[in-house]
Amino acid sequence: MPVADQVRMANDIARQFAHLERDKAVSEIALHIASFWEPRMTAQLRQAVAEGAEGLDPLVIEAVARL
């Protein structure tokens, strides 16, 4: 899957939880990714974060660190 698609999908998830307190939002994003994404998608997202992919929501970056 292209990195741009990963970023879009992760940011969509972040938007769904953005109304929550920051720590709760990050936890919920991490839980969602861990629960519903295939391991290879999660690995690609981790790589995108590590490489500083443009456009990633800061909540996603924090959530990936918790995976």
C-alpha atoms as a PDB file:
ATOM      1  CA  MET A   1       0.000   0.000   0.000  1.00  0.00           C
ATOM      2  CA  PRO A   2       1.385   3.454  -0.848  1.00  0.00           C
ATOM      3  CA  VAL A   3       2.600   5.542   2.087  1.00  0.00           C
ATOM      4  CA  ALA A   4       0.178   8.324   1.135  1.00  0.00           C
ATOM      5  CA  ASP A   5      -2.733   5.918   1.654  1.00  0.00           C
ATOM      6  CA  GLN A   6      -1.345   4.841   5.030  1.00  0.00           C
ATOM      7  CA  VAL A   7      -1.011   8.472   6.112  1.00  0.00           C
ATOM      8  CA  ARG A   8      -4.540   9.293   4.972  1.00  0.00           C
ATOM      9  CA  MET A   9      -6.054   6.308   6.754  1.00  0.00           C
ATOM     10  CA  ALA A  10      -4.122   6.929   9.981  1.00  0.00           C
ATOM     11  CA  ASN A  11      -5.064  10.614   9.926  1.00  0.00           C
ATOM     12  CA  ASP A  12      -8.722   9.665   9.392  1.00  0.00           C
ATOM     13  CA  ILE A  13      -8.554   7.542  12.531  1.00  0.00           C
ATOM     14  CA  ALA A  14      -6.917  10.397  14.439  1.00  0.00           C
ATOM     15  CA  ARG A  15      -9.727  12.748  13.421  1.00  0.00           C
ATOM     16  CA  GLN A  16     -12.275  10.332  14.887  1.00  0.00           C
ATOM     17  CA  PHE A  17     -10.618  10.546  18.297  1.00  0.00           C
ATOM     18  CA  ALA A  18      -9.393  14.158  18.228  1.00  0.00           C
ATOM     19  CA  HIS A  19     -12.268  15.297  20.465  1.00  0.00           C
ATOM     20  CA  LEU A  20     -10.891  13.230  23.357  1.00  0.00           C
ATOM     21  CA  GLU A  21      -8.259  14.317  25.863  1.00  0.00           C
ATOM     22  CA  ARG A  22      -4.855  13.906  24.163  1.00  0.00           C
ATOM     23  CA  ASP A  23      -3.631  10.855  26.105  1.00  0.00           C
ATOM     24  CA  LYS A  24      -6.970   9.065  25.642  1.00  0.00           C
ATOM     25  CA  ALA A  25      -7.014   9.910  21.940  1.00  0.00           C
ATOM     26  CA  VAL A  26      -3.522   8.520  21.455  1.00  0.00           C
ATOM     27  CA  SER A  27      -4.454   5.344  23.329  1.00  0.00           C
ATOM     28  CA  GLU A  28      -7.603   4.861  21.254  1.00  0.00           C
ATOM     29  CA  ILE A  29      -5.732   5.414  17.986  1.00  0.00           C
ATOM     30  CA  ALA A  30      -3.083   2.876  18.984  1.00  0.00           C
ATOM     31  CA  LEU A  31      -5.774   0.389  20.033  1.00  0.00           C
ATOM     32  CA  HIS A  32      -7.646   0.837  16.758  1.00  0.00           C
ATOM     33  CA  ILE A  33      -4.523   0.297  14.673  1.00  0.00           C
ATOM     34  CA  ALA A  34      -3.456  -2.731  16.728  1.00  0.00           C
ATOM     35  CA  SER A  35      -6.951  -4.222  16.525  1.00  0.00           C
ATOM     36  CA  PHE A  36      -7.887  -3.641  12.905  1.00  0.00           C
ATOM     37  CA  TRP A  37      -4.767  -3.169  10.798  1.00  0.00           C
ATOM     38  CA  GLU A  38      -2.859  -6.106   9.347  1.00  0.00           C
ATOM     39  CA  PRO A  39       0.638  -6.503  10.798  1.00  0.00           C
ATOM     40  CA  ARG A  40       2.290  -5.496   7.529  1.00  0.00           C
ATOM     41  CA  MET A  41       0.187  -2.302   7.407  1.00  0.00           C
ATOM     42  CA  THR A  42       1.245  -1.504  10.965  1.00  0.00           C
ATOM     43  CA  ALA A  43       4.878  -2.172  10.041  1.00  0.00           C
ATOM     44  CA  GLN A  44       4.577   0.159   7.045  1.00  0.00           C
ATOM     45  CA  LEU A  45       3.080   2.863   9.247  1.00  0.00           C
ATOM     46  CA  ARG A  46       5.905   2.463  11.772  1.00  0.00           C
ATOM     47  CA  GLN A  47       8.387   2.851   8.933  1.00  0.00           C
ATOM     48  CA  ALA A  48       6.588   5.934   7.638  1.00  0.00           C
ATOM     49  CA  VAL A  49       6.766   7.507  11.100  1.00  0.00           C
ATOM     50  CA  ALA A  50      10.453   6.585  11.448  1.00  0.00           C
ATOM     51  CA  GLU A  51      11.200   8.149   8.078  1.00  0.00           C
ATOM     52  CA  GLY A  52       9.266  11.311   8.930  1.00  0.00           C
ATOM     53  CA  ALA A  53       6.508  10.919   6.367  1.00  0.00           C
ATOM     54  CA  GLU A  54       4.885  14.249   5.604  1.00  0.00           C
ATOM     55  CA  GLY A  55       1.396  15.032   6.766  1.00  0.00           C
ATOM     56  CA  LEU A  56       1.105  12.611   9.671  1.00  0.00           C
ATOM     57  CA  ASP A  57      -1.084  13.871  12.486  1.00  0.00           C
ATOM     58  CA  PRO A  58       0.948  14.284  15.702  1.00  0.00           C
ATOM     59  CA  LEU A  59      -1.569  12.025  17.469  1.00  0.00           C
ATOM     60  CA  VAL A  60      -0.728   9.248  15.010  1.00  0.00           C
ATOM     61  CA  ILE A  61       2.981   9.673  15.633  1.00  0.00           C
ATOM     62  CA  GLU A  62       2.422   9.332  19.376  1.00  0.00           C
ATOM     63  CA  ALA A  63       0.117   6.350  18.879  1.00  0.00           C
ATOM     64  CA  VAL A  64       2.663   4.519  16.764  1.00  0.00           C
ATOM     65  CA  ALA A  65       5.204   4.928  19.561  1.00  0.00           C
ATOM     66  CA  ARG A  66       2.773   3.031  21.832  1.00  0.00           C
ATOM     67  CA  LEU A  67       2.325   0.082  19.480  1.00  0.00           C
END
